[in-house]
PDB file of all heavy atoms in Angstrom:
ATOM      1  N   CYS A   1      -0.825  -9.164  14.982  1.00  0.00           N
ATOM      2  CA  CYS A   1      -1.193  -8.867  13.592  1.00  0.00           C
ATOM      3  C   CYS A   1      -0.256  -7.832  13.014  1.00  0.00           C
ATOM      4  O   CYS A   1       0.412  -7.081  13.735  1.00  0.00           O
ATOM      5  CB  CYS A   1      -2.642  -8.399  13.495  1.00  0.00           C
ATOM      6  SG  CYS A   1      -2.937  -6.712  14.076  1.00  0.00           S
ATOM      7  N   VAL A   2      -0.202  -7.801  11.684  1.00  0.00           N
ATOM      8  CA  VAL A   2       0.466  -6.746  10.933  1.00  0.00           C
ATOM      9  C   VAL A   2      -0.629  -5.909  10.295  1.00  0.00           C
ATOM     10  O   VAL A   2      -1.498  -6.445   9.595  1.00  0.00           O
ATOM     11  CB  VAL A   2       1.383  -7.322   9.836  1.00  0.00           C
ATOM     12  CG1 VAL A   2       1.969  -6.201   8.977  1.00  0.00           C
ATOM     13  CG2 VAL A   2       2.497  -8.150  10.458  1.00  0.00           C
ATOM     14  N   CYS A   3      -0.620  -4.593  10.550  1.00  0.00           N
ATOM     15  CA  CYS A   3      -1.660  -3.753   9.967  1.00  0.00           C
ATOM     16  C   CYS A   3      -1.130  -2.338   9.769  1.00  0.00           C
ATOM     17  O   CYS A   3      -0.016  -2.013  10.181  1.00  0.00           O
ATOM     18  CB  CYS A   3      -2.922  -3.754  10.825  1.00  0.00           C
ATOM     19  SG  CYS A   3      -2.805  -2.814  12.346  1.00  0.00           S
ATOM     20  N   ALA A   4      -1.960  -1.497   9.145  1.00  0.00           N
ATOM     21  CA  ALA A   4      -1.553  -0.131   8.824  1.00  0.00           C
ATOM     22  C   ALA A   4      -1.970   0.867   9.891  1.00  0.00           C
ATOM     23  O   ALA A   4      -1.760   2.064   9.728  1.00  0.00           O
ATOM     24  CB  ALA A   4      -2.133   0.279   7.474  1.00  0.00           C
ATOM     25  N   VAL A   5      -2.553   0.396  10.986  1.00  0.00           N
ATOM     26  CA  VAL A   5      -3.037   1.259  12.062  1.00  0.00           C
ATOM     27  C   VAL A   5      -1.986   1.315  13.165  1.00  0.00           C
ATOM     28  O   VAL A   5      -1.514   0.280  13.635  1.00  0.00           O
ATOM     29  CB  VAL A   5      -4.374   0.743  12.621  1.00  0.00           C
ATOM     30  CG1 VAL A   5      -4.860   1.638  13.757  1.00  0.00           C
ATOM     31  CG2 VAL A   5      -5.418   0.660  11.515  1.00  0.00           C
ATOM     32  N   GLU A   6      -1.636   2.521  13.601  1.00  0.00           N
ATOM     33  CA  GLU A   6      -0.589   2.666  14.616  1.00  0.00           C
ATOM     34  C   GLU A   6      -1.112   2.443  16.029  1.00  0.00           C
ATOM     35  O   GLU A   6      -0.445   1.803  16.853  1.00  0.00           O
ATOM     36  CB  GLU A   6       0.035   4.060  14.526  1.00  0.00           C
ATOM     37  CG  GLU A   6       1.120   4.310  15.575  1.00  0.00           C
ATOM     38  CD  GLU A   6       1.745   5.681  15.463  1.00  0.00           C
ATOM     39  OE1 GLU A   6       1.242   6.513  14.678  1.00  0.00           O
ATOM     40  OE2 GLU A   6       2.748   5.932  16.171  1.00  0.00           O
ATOM     41  N   ARG A   7      -2.291   2.953  16.344  1.00  0.00           N
ATOM     42  CA  ARG A   7      -2.771   2.935  17.721  1.00  0.00           C
ATOM     43  C   ARG A   7      -3.104   1.513  18.173  1.00  0.00           C
ATOM     44  O   ARG A   7      -3.912   0.829  17.550  1.00  0.00           O
ATOM     45  CB  ARG A   7      -4.006   3.822  17.855  1.00  0.00           C
ATOM     46  CG  ARG A   7      -4.513   3.947  19.293  1.00  0.00           C
ATOM     47  CD  ARG A   7      -5.669   4.925  19.368  1.00  0.00           C
ATOM     48  NE  ARG A   7      -6.179   5.054  20.721  1.00  0.00           N
ATOM     49  CZ  ARG A   7      -7.163   5.866  21.074  1.00  0.00           C
ATOM     50  NH1 ARG A   7      -7.740   6.622  20.151  1.00  0.00           N
ATOM     51  NH2 ARG A   7      -7.566   5.931  22.330  1.00  0.00           N
ATOM     52  N   PRO A   8      -2.512   1.049  19.271  1.00  0.00           N
ATOM     53  CA  PRO A   8      -2.776  -0.318  19.723  1.00  0.00           C
ATOM     54  C   PRO A   8      -4.081  -0.419  20.499  1.00  0.00           C
ATOM     55  O   PRO A   8      -4.630   0.583  20.971  1.00  0.00           O
ATOM     56  CB  PRO A   8      -1.587  -0.622  20.634  1.00  0.00           C
ATOM     57  CG  PRO A   8      -1.213   0.706  21.203  1.00  0.00           C
ATOM     58  CD  PRO A   8      -1.483   1.709  20.096  1.00  0.00           C
ATOM     59  N   LEU A   9      -4.562  -1.639  20.631  1.00  0.00           N
ATOM     60  CA  LEU A   9      -5.712  -1.911  21.481  1.00  0.00           C
ATOM     61  C   LEU A   9      -5.304  -1.786  22.943  1.00  0.00           C
ATOM     62  O   LEU A   9      -4.116  -1.840  23.279  1.00  0.00           O
ATOM     63  CB  LEU A   9      -6.236  -3.328  21.225  1.00  0.00           C
ATOM     64  CG  LEU A   9      -6.695  -3.655  19.797  1.00  0.00           C
ATOM     65  CD1 LEU A   9      -6.980  -5.148  19.687  1.00  0.00           C
ATOM     66  CD2 LEU A   9      -7.915  -2.841  19.430  1.00  0.00           C
ATOM     67  N   ALA A  10      -6.285  -1.648  23.811  1.00  0.00           N
ATOM     68  CA  ALA A  10      -5.998  -1.670  25.246  1.00  0.00           C
ATOM     69  C   ALA A  10      -5.379  -3.021  25.594  1.00  0.00           C
ATOM     70  O   ALA A  10      -5.886  -4.068  25.199  1.00  0.00           O
ATOM     71  CB  ALA A  10      -7.281  -1.453  26.035  1.00  0.00           C
ATOM     72  N   GLY A  11      -4.257  -2.984  26.303  1.00  0.00           N
ATOM     73  CA  GLY A  11      -3.579  -4.215  26.679  1.00  0.00           C
ATOM     74  C   GLY A  11      -2.606  -4.728  25.640  1.00  0.00           C
ATOM     75  O   GLY A  11      -2.044  -5.809  25.800  1.00  0.00           O
ATOM     76  N   ALA A  12      -2.417  -3.956  24.568  1.00  0.00           N
ATOM     77  CA  ALA A  12      -1.515  -4.377  23.500  1.00  0.00           C
ATOM     78  C   ALA A  12      -0.494  -3.290  23.209  1.00  0.00           C
ATOM     79  O   ALA A  12      -0.608  -2.165  23.694  1.00  0.00           O
ATOM     80  CB  ALA A  12      -2.301  -4.725  22.240  1.00  0.00           C
ATOM     81  N   ARG A  13       0.514  -3.629  22.430  1.00  0.00           N
ATOM     82  CA  ARG A  13       1.535  -2.676  21.995  1.00  0.00           C
ATOM     83  C   ARG A  13       1.647  -2.721  20.478  1.00  0.00           C
ATOM     84  O   ARG A  13       1.332  -3.739  19.856  1.00  0.00           O
ATOM     85  CB  ARG A  13       2.903  -3.020  22.602  1.00  0.00           C
ATOM     86  CG  ARG A  13       3.015  -2.806  24.106  1.00  0.00           C
ATOM     87  CD  ARG A  13       4.470  -2.861  24.534  1.00  0.00           C
ATOM     88  NE  ARG A  13       4.649  -2.551  25.943  1.00  0.00           N
ATOM     89  CZ  ARG A  13       4.826  -3.447  26.893  1.00  0.00           C
ATOM     90  NH1 ARG A  13       4.857  -4.731  26.580  1.00  0.00           N
ATOM     91  NH2 ARG A  13       4.985  -3.082  28.154  1.00  0.00           N
ATOM     92  N   SER A  14       2.129  -1.619  19.891  1.00  0.00           N
ATOM     93  CA  SER A  14       2.391  -1.605  18.457  1.00  0.00           C
ATOM     94  C   SER A  14       3.829  -1.179  18.204  1.00  0.00           C
ATOM     95  O   SER A  14       4.406  -0.402  18.967  1.00  0.00           O
ATOM     96  CB  SER A  14       1.427  -0.663  17.733  1.00  0.00           C
ATOM     97  OG  SER A  14       1.720   0.689  18.016  1.00  0.00           O
ATOM     98  N   LEU A  15       4.397  -1.712  17.135  1.00  0.00           N
ATOM     99  CA  LEU A  15       5.782  -1.432  16.755  1.00  0.00           C
ATOM    100  C   LEU A  15       5.814  -1.116  15.269  1.00  0.00           C
ATOM    101  O   LEU A  15       5.293  -1.884  14.455  1.00  0.00           O
ATOM    102  CB  LEU A  15       6.654  -2.670  17.039  1.00  0.00           C
ATOM    103  CG  LEU A  15       8.076  -2.654  16.472  1.00  0.00           C
ATOM    104  CD1 LEU A  15       8.941  -1.665  17.244  1.00  0.00           C
ATOM    105  CD2 LEU A  15       8.684  -4.053  16.515  1.00  0.00           C
ATOM    106  N   PHE A  16       6.404   0.026  14.892  1.00  0.00           N
ATOM    107  CA  PHE A  16       6.535   0.378  13.485  1.00  0.00           C
ATOM    108  C   PHE A  16       7.582  -0.522  12.848  1.00  0.00           C
ATOM    109  O   PHE A  16       8.730  -0.573  13.285  1.00  0.00           O
ATOM    110  CB  PHE A  16       6.942   1.845  13.337  1.00  0.00           C
ATOM    111  CG  PHE A  16       7.173   2.270  11.906  1.00  0.00           C
ATOM    112  CD1 PHE A  16       6.111   2.391  11.025  1.00  0.00           C
ATOM    113  CD2 PHE A  16       8.453   2.550  11.447  1.00  0.00           C
ATOM    114  CE1 PHE A  16       6.314   2.785   9.705  1.00  0.00           C
ATOM    115  CE2 PHE A  16       8.669   2.945  10.143  1.00  0.00           C
ATOM    116  CZ  PHE A  16       7.593   3.061   9.268  1.00  0.00           C
ATOM    117  N   LEU A  17       7.181  -1.257  11.797  1.00  0.00           N
ATOM    118  CA  LEU A  17       8.092  -2.160  11.103  1.00  0.00           C
ATOM    119  C   LEU A  17       8.745  -1.507   9.901  1.00  0.00           C
ATOM    120  O   LEU A  17       9.873  -1.834   9.533  1.00  0.00           O
ATOM    121  CB  LEU A  17       7.334  -3.406  10.637  1.00  0.00           C
ATOM    122  CG  LEU A  17       6.743  -4.307  11.723  1.00  0.00           C
ATOM    123  CD1 LEU A  17       5.913  -5.410  11.084  1.00  0.00           C
ATOM    124  CD2 LEU A  17       7.848  -4.891  12.596  1.00  0.00           C
ATOM    125  N   GLY A  18       8.028  -0.592   9.264  1.00  0.00           N
ATOM    126  CA  GLY A  18       8.488   0.033   8.039  1.00  0.00           C
ATOM    127  C   GLY A  18       7.295   0.233   7.121  1.00  0.00           C
ATOM    128  O   GLY A  18       6.159  -0.091   7.469  1.00  0.00           O
ATOM    129  N   ALA A  19       7.555   0.751   5.947  1.00  0.00           N
ATOM    130  CA  ALA A  19       6.479   1.011   4.993  1.00  0.00           C
ATOM    131  C   ALA A  19       6.679   0.177   3.740  1.00  0.00           C
ATOM    132  O   ALA A  19       7.809  -0.055   3.299  1.00  0.00           O
ATOM    133  CB  ALA A  19       6.427   2.494   4.631  1.00  0.00           C
ATOM    134  N   MET A  20       5.556  -0.276   3.173  1.00  0.00           N
ATOM    135  CA  MET A  20       5.598  -0.989   1.900  1.00  0.00           C
ATOM    136  C   MET A  20       5.215  -0.011   0.790  1.00  0.00           C
ATOM    137  O   MET A  20       4.171   0.640   0.880  1.00  0.00           O
ATOM    138  CB  MET A  20       4.644  -2.181   1.920  1.00  0.00           C
ATOM    139  CG  MET A  20       4.683  -3.004   0.641  1.00  0.00           C
ATOM    140  SD  MET A  20       3.575  -4.434   0.689  1.00  0.00           S
ATOM    141  CE  MET A  20       4.437  -5.455   1.863  1.00  0.00           C
ATOM    142  N   ARG A  21       6.064   0.075  -0.224  1.00  0.00           N
ATOM    143  CA  ARG A  21       5.826   1.024  -1.315  1.00  0.00           C
ATOM    144  C   ARG A  21       4.967   0.384  -2.402  1.00  0.00           C
ATOM    145  O   ARG A  21       5.271  -0.697  -2.906  1.00  0.00           O
ATOM    146  CB  ARG A  21       7.147   1.507  -1.901  1.00  0.00           C
ATOM    147  CG  ARG A  21       7.003   2.377  -3.138  1.00  0.00           C
ATOM    148  CD  ARG A  21       8.222   3.260  -3.324  1.00  0.00           C
ATOM    149  NE  ARG A  21       8.303   4.266  -2.267  1.00  0.00           N
ATOM    150  CZ  ARG A  21       9.330   5.111  -2.107  1.00  0.00           C
ATOM    151  NH1 ARG A  21      10.360   5.042  -2.936  1.00  0.00           N
ATOM    152  NH2 ARG A  21       9.324   5.993  -1.132  1.00  0.00           N
ATOM    153  N   TYR A  22       3.893   1.090  -2.754  1.00  0.00           N
ATOM    154  CA  TYR A  22       2.992   0.665  -3.826  1.00  0.00           C
ATOM    155  C   TYR A  22       3.106   1.633  -5.001  1.00  0.00           C
ATOM    156  O   TYR A  22       3.168   2.842  -4.811  1.00  0.00           O
ATOM    157  CB  TYR A  22       1.544   0.651  -3.347  1.00  0.00           C
ATOM    158  CG  TYR A  22       1.205  -0.500  -2.422  1.00  0.00           C
ATOM    159  CD1 TYR A  22       1.593  -0.487  -1.095  1.00  0.00           C
ATOM    160  CD2 TYR A  22       0.482  -1.602  -2.890  1.00  0.00           C
ATOM    161  CE1 TYR A  22       1.281  -1.534  -0.244  1.00  0.00           C
ATOM    162  CE2 TYR A  22       0.161  -2.654  -2.050  1.00  0.00           C
ATOM    163  CZ  TYR A  22       0.561  -2.620  -0.731  1.00  0.00           C
ATOM    164  OH  TYR A  22       0.248  -3.655   0.102  1.00  0.00           O
ATOM    165  N   ARG A  23       3.105   1.078  -6.214  1.00  0.00           N
ATOM    166  CA  ARG A  23       3.144   1.897  -7.421  1.00  0.00           C
ATOM    167  C   ARG A  23       1.922   1.608  -8.284  1.00  0.00           C
ATOM    168  O   ARG A  23       1.449   0.473  -8.353  1.00  0.00           O
ATOM    169  CB  ARG A  23       4.435   1.626  -8.207  1.00  0.00           C
ATOM    170  CG  ARG A  23       5.657   2.203  -7.504  1.00  0.00           C
ATOM    171  CD  ARG A  23       6.947   1.755  -8.142  1.00  0.00           C
ATOM    172  NE  ARG A  23       7.087   2.226  -9.524  1.00  0.00           N
ATOM    173  CZ  ARG A  23       8.182   2.019 -10.253  1.00  0.00           C
ATOM    174  NH1 ARG A  23       9.225   1.380  -9.728  1.00  0.00           N
ATOM    175  NH2 ARG A  23       8.247   2.458 -11.493  1.00  0.00           N
ATOM    176  N   ALA A  24       1.420   2.645  -8.933  1.00  0.00           N
ATOM    177  CA  ALA A  24       0.278   2.508  -9.831  1.00  0.00           C
ATOM    178  C   ALA A  24       0.791   2.052 -11.188  1.00  0.00           C
ATOM    179  O   ALA A  24       1.487   2.797 -11.888  1.00  0.00           O
ATOM    180  CB  ALA A  24      -0.458   3.838  -9.945  1.00  0.00           C
ATOM    181  N   LEU A  25       0.437   0.827 -11.572  1.00  0.00           N
ATOM    182  CA  LEU A  25       1.023   0.212 -12.758  1.00  0.00           C
ATOM    183  C   LEU A  25      -0.054  -0.360 -13.674  1.00  0.00           C
ATOM    184  O   LEU A  25      -1.188  -0.607 -13.262  1.00  0.00           O
ATOM    185  CB  LEU A  25       1.978  -0.921 -12.351  1.00  0.00           C
ATOM    186  CG  LEU A  25       3.109  -0.577 -11.383  1.00  0.00           C
ATOM    187  CD1 LEU A  25       3.850  -1.837 -10.982  1.00  0.00           C
ATOM    188  CD2 LEU A  25       4.063   0.445 -11.991  1.00  0.00           C
ATOM    189  N   ALA A  26       0.343  -0.595 -14.909  1.00  0.00           N
ATOM    190  CA  ALA A  26      -0.500  -1.281 -15.883  1.00  0.00           C
ATOM    191  C   ALA A  26       0.411  -1.793 -16.997  1.00  0.00           C
ATOM    192  O   ALA A  26       1.593  -1.439 -17.081  1.00  0.00           O
ATOM    193  CB  ALA A  26      -1.573  -0.353 -16.453  1.00  0.00           C
ATOM    194  N   SER A  27      -0.143  -2.632 -17.856  1.00  0.00           N
ATOM    195  CA  SER A  27       0.630  -3.134 -18.989  1.00  0.00           C
ATOM    196  C   SER A  27       0.762  -2.038 -20.051  1.00  0.00           C
ATOM    197  O   SER A  27      -0.073  -1.126 -20.137  1.00  0.00           O
ATOM    198  CB  SER A  27      -0.068  -4.351 -19.592  1.00  0.00           C
ATOM    199  OG  SER A  27      -1.281  -3.965 -20.219  1.00  0.00           O
ATOM    200  N   PRO A  28       1.792  -2.109 -20.889  1.00  0.00           N
ATOM    201  CA  PRO A  28       1.929  -1.123 -21.963  1.00  0.00           C
ATOM    202  C   PRO A  28       0.705  -1.086 -22.883  1.00  0.00           C
ATOM    203  O   PRO A  28       0.277   0.002 -23.303  1.00  0.00           O
ATOM    204  CB  PRO A  28       3.178  -1.595 -22.718  1.00  0.00           C
ATOM    205  CG  PRO A  28       3.980  -2.327 -21.682  1.00  0.00           C
ATOM    206  CD  PRO A  28       2.967  -3.003 -20.813  1.00  0.00           C
ATOM    207  N   ALA A  29       0.129  -2.264 -23.195  1.00  0.00           N
ATOM    208  CA  ALA A  29      -1.039  -2.290 -24.074  1.00  0.00           C
ATOM    209  C   ALA A  29      -2.232  -1.594 -23.426  1.00  0.00           C
ATOM    210  O   ALA A  29      -2.994  -0.880 -24.100  1.00  0.00           O
ATOM    211  CB  ALA A  29      -1.398  -3.741 -24.425  1.00  0.00           C
ATOM    212  N   PHE A  30      -2.404  -1.773 -22.119  1.00  0.00           N
ATOM    213  CA  PHE A  30      -3.503  -1.119 -21.411  1.00  0.00           C
ATOM    214  C   PHE A  30      -3.310   0.393 -21.428  1.00  0.00           C
ATOM    215  O   PHE A  30      -4.259   1.157 -21.667  1.00  0.00           O
ATOM    216  CB  PHE A  30      -3.570  -1.624 -19.967  1.00  0.00           C
ATOM    217  CG  PHE A  30      -4.681  -1.017 -19.161  1.00  0.00           C
ATOM    218  CD1 PHE A  30      -5.924  -1.616 -19.112  1.00  0.00           C
ATOM    219  CD2 PHE A  30      -4.478   0.151 -18.430  1.00  0.00           C
ATOM    220  CE1 PHE A  30      -6.956  -1.068 -18.368  1.00  0.00           C
ATOM    221  CE2 PHE A  30      -5.504   0.722 -17.693  1.00  0.00           C
ATOM    222  CZ  PHE A  30      -6.742   0.110 -17.657  1.00  0.00           C
ATOM    223  N   ILE A  31      -2.086   0.844 -21.181  1.00  0.00           N
ATOM    224  CA  ILE A  31      -1.794   2.279 -21.176  1.00  0.00           C
ATOM    225  C   ILE A  31      -2.066   2.874 -22.553  1.00  0.00           C
ATOM    226  O   ILE A  31      -2.663   3.955 -22.670  1.00  0.00           O
ATOM    227  CB  ILE A  31      -0.342   2.524 -20.731  1.00  0.00           C
ATOM    228  CG1 ILE A  31      -0.180   2.140 -19.248  1.00  0.00           C
ATOM    229  CG2 ILE A  31       0.055   3.982 -20.941  1.00  0.00           C
ATOM    230  CD1 ILE A  31       1.249   2.172 -18.746  1.00  0.00           C
ATOM    231  N   ASP A  32      -1.650   2.172 -23.604  1.00  0.00           N
ATOM    232  CA  ASP A  32      -1.889   2.679 -24.951  1.00  0.00           C
ATOM    233  C   ASP A  32      -3.387   2.774 -25.258  1.00  0.00           C
ATOM    234  O   ASP A  32      -3.844   3.728 -25.904  1.00  0.00           O
ATOM    235  CB  ASP A  32      -1.222   1.768 -25.986  1.00  0.00           C
ATOM    236  CG  ASP A  32       0.297   1.886 -25.975  1.00  0.00           C
ATOM    237  OD1 ASP A  32       0.808   2.893 -25.433  1.00  0.00           O
ATOM    238  OD2 ASP A  32       0.966   0.967 -26.483  1.00  0.00           O
ATOM    239  N   ARG A  33      -4.152   1.784 -24.758  1.00  0.00           N
ATOM    240  CA  ARG A  33      -5.573   1.737 -25.089  1.00  0.00           C
ATOM    241  C   ARG A  33      -6.377   2.763 -24.312  1.00  0.00           C
ATOM    242  O   ARG A  33      -7.277   3.412 -24.861  1.00  0.00           O
ATOM    243  CB  ARG A  33      -6.122   0.341 -24.803  1.00  0.00           C
ATOM    244  CG  ARG A  33      -7.617   0.177 -25.163  1.00  0.00           C
ATOM    245  CD  ARG A  33      -8.128  -1.221 -24.844  1.00  0.00           C
ATOM    246  NE  ARG A  33      -7.333  -2.226 -25.522  1.00  0.00           N
ATOM    247  CZ  ARG A  33      -6.716  -3.233 -24.900  1.00  0.00           C
ATOM    248  NH1 ARG A  33      -6.805  -3.339 -23.582  1.00  0.00           N
ATOM    249  NH2 ARG A  33      -6.037  -4.109 -25.583  1.00  0.00           N
ATOM    250  N   TYR A  34      -6.086   2.928 -23.035  1.00  0.00           N
ATOM    251  CA  TYR A  34      -6.953   3.739 -22.180  1.00  0.00           C
ATOM    252  C   TYR A  34      -6.373   5.096 -21.766  1.00  0.00           C
ATOM    253  O   TYR A  34      -7.137   5.998 -21.409  1.00  0.00           O
ATOM    254  CB  TYR A  34      -7.293   2.962 -20.904  1.00  0.00           C
ATOM    255  CG  TYR A  34      -8.211   1.793 -21.114  1.00  0.00           C
ATOM    256  CD1 TYR A  34      -7.707   0.507 -21.221  1.00  0.00           C
ATOM    257  CD2 TYR A  34      -9.593   1.967 -21.199  1.00  0.00           C
ATOM    258  CE1 TYR A  34      -8.551  -0.588 -21.412  1.00  0.00           C
ATOM    259  CE2 TYR A  34     -10.448   0.891 -21.390  1.00  0.00           C
ATOM    260  CZ  TYR A  34      -9.913  -0.389 -21.488  1.00  0.00           C
ATOM    261  OH  TYR A  34     -10.751  -1.451 -21.676  1.00  0.00           O
ATOM    262  N   LEU A  35      -5.049   5.235 -21.766  1.00  0.00           N
ATOM    263  CA  LEU A  35      -4.463   6.407 -21.113  1.00  0.00           C
ATOM    264  C   LEU A  35      -3.636   7.293 -22.033  1.00  0.00           C
ATOM    265  O   LEU A  35      -3.618   8.514 -21.861  1.00  0.00           O
ATOM    266  CB  LEU A  35      -3.593   5.955 -19.929  1.00  0.00           C
ATOM    267  CG  LEU A  35      -4.311   5.108 -18.863  1.00  0.00           C
ATOM    268  CD1 LEU A  35      -3.318   4.640 -17.802  1.00  0.00           C
ATOM    269  CD2 LEU A  35      -5.448   5.899 -18.225  1.00  0.00           C
ATOM    270  N   ALA A  36      -2.925   6.712 -22.971  1.00  0.00           N
ATOM    271  CA  ALA A  36      -2.021   7.504 -23.814  1.00  0.00           C
ATOM    272  C   ALA A  36      -2.811   8.525 -24.636  1.00  0.00           C
ATOM    273  O   ALA A  36      -3.756   8.177 -25.349  1.00  0.00           O
ATOM    274  CB  ALA A  36      -1.226   6.584 -24.739  1.00  0.00           C
ATOM    275  N   GLY A  37      -2.425   9.811 -24.515  1.00  0.00           N
ATOM    276  CA  GLY A  37      -3.070  10.861 -25.273  1.00  0.00           C
ATOM    277  C   GLY A  37      -4.518  11.109 -24.907  1.00  0.00           C
ATOM    278  O   GLY A  37      -5.273  11.693 -25.685  1.00  0.00           O
TER     279      GLY A  37
END
């Protein structure tokens, strides 16, 4: 499996693959309606 947990199960191994970057996003209209000012 691919997961965000480092510690492996007994009898298994884990390998760090890298990190996936997430950004907090929204549409311009949503930002204007709910967040701007």
